[in-house]
């Protein structure tokens, strides 16, 4: 079931305002609980965790910056 434009806008806001800070705190906590790692490996883990959250949620953010395709203002 595909989400409507308005639903995707709402979910993207919820994800960015609530989900992303929670995810960041969990990711930092998990990496901190690991035994001492070399700084390079720790950096790579943070980069992977920082980019990795986007791919499962990519469909929510696609087209959000564009005008609403279903609105009557865009039709001639």
Protein backbone atom coordinates (compact mmCIF):
# COMPACT_ATOMS: atom_id res chain seq x y z
CA UNK A 1 0.00 0.00 0.00
CA UNK A 2 1.53 3.28 -1.13
CA UNK A 3 1.47 6.30 1.13
CA UNK A 4 -0.15 9.49 -0.07
CA UNK A 5 1.88 12.67 -0.45
CA UNK A 6 0.46 14.17 2.74
CA UNK A 7 1.10 10.98 4.70
CA UNK A 8 4.70 10.86 3.46
CA UNK A 9 5.19 14.50 4.50
CA UNK A 10 3.86 13.78 7.98
CA UNK A 11 5.92 10.62 8.39
CA UNK A 12 9.07 12.35 7.17
CA UNK A 13 8.57 15.07 9.79
CA UNK A 14 8.04 12.48 12.55
CA UNK A 15 11.11 10.53 11.42
CA UNK A 16 13.34 13.61 11.32
CA UNK A 17 12.12 15.24 14.55
CA UNK A 18 11.65 12.18 16.77
CA UNK A 19 13.12 9.11 15.09
CA UNK A 20 16.49 10.45 14.02
CA UNK A 21 17.54 11.83 17.44
CA UNK A 22 16.45 8.57 19.11
CA UNK A 23 18.36 6.57 16.50
CA UNK A 24 21.46 8.70 17.04
CA UNK A 25 21.35 8.17 20.80
CA UNK A 26 20.91 4.41 20.40
CA UNK A 27 23.71 4.19 17.82
CA UNK A 28 26.15 6.15 19.99
CA UNK A 29 25.23 4.07 23.04
CA UNK A 30 25.80 0.80 21.18
CA UNK A 31 29.16 1.87 19.77
CA UNK A 32 30.23 3.12 23.22
CA UNK A 33 29.48 -0.30 24.76
CA UNK A 34 31.87 -2.04 22.36
CA UNK A 35 35.38 -2.73 23.58
CA UNK A 36 38.06 -0.18 22.70
CA UNK A 37 38.39 -0.05 18.91
CA UNK A 38 40.89 1.76 16.71
CA UNK A 39 39.69 5.28 15.91
CA UNK A 40 39.52 4.54 12.17
CA UNK A 41 37.22 1.57 12.70
CA UNK A 42 35.06 3.57 15.09
CA UNK A 43 34.83 6.37 12.52
CA UNK A 44 33.79 3.90 9.79
CA UNK A 45 31.09 2.50 12.08
CA UNK A 46 29.70 5.98 12.77
CA UNK A 47 29.69 6.82 9.06
CA UNK A 48 27.92 3.55 8.22
CA UNK A 49 25.33 4.09 10.96
CA UNK A 50 24.88 7.70 9.89
CA UNK A 51 24.14 6.77 6.29
CA UNK A 52 22.50 3.39 6.88
CA UNK A 53 19.23 4.70 8.33
CA UNK A 54 18.35 6.42 5.06
CA UNK A 55 18.07 3.37 2.82
CA UNK A 56 15.13 1.61 4.52
CA UNK A 57 13.23 4.93 4.72
CA UNK A 58 14.09 6.23 1.26
CA UNK A 59 10.55 5.79 -0.08
CA UNK A 60 9.16 8.12 2.62
CA UNK A 61 11.41 11.03 1.63
CA UNK A 62 11.15 10.75 -2.16
CA UNK A 63 9.43 13.78 -3.68
CA UNK A 64 8.74 15.56 -0.39
CA UNK A 65 10.43 18.77 -1.56
CA UNK A 66 8.24 18.93 -4.66
CA UNK A 67 4.77 20.43 -4.94
CA UNK A 68 1.83 18.17 -4.08
CA UNK A 69 1.09 16.20 -7.26
CA UNK A 70 -2.54 15.69 -6.21
CA UNK A 71 -3.41 19.31 -5.45
CA UNK A 72 -5.70 21.30 -7.73
CA UNK A 73 -3.27 24.25 -7.83
CA UNK A 74 -0.89 22.33 -10.10
CA UNK A 75 -3.49 21.37 -12.71
CA UNK A 76 -4.37 23.60 -15.64
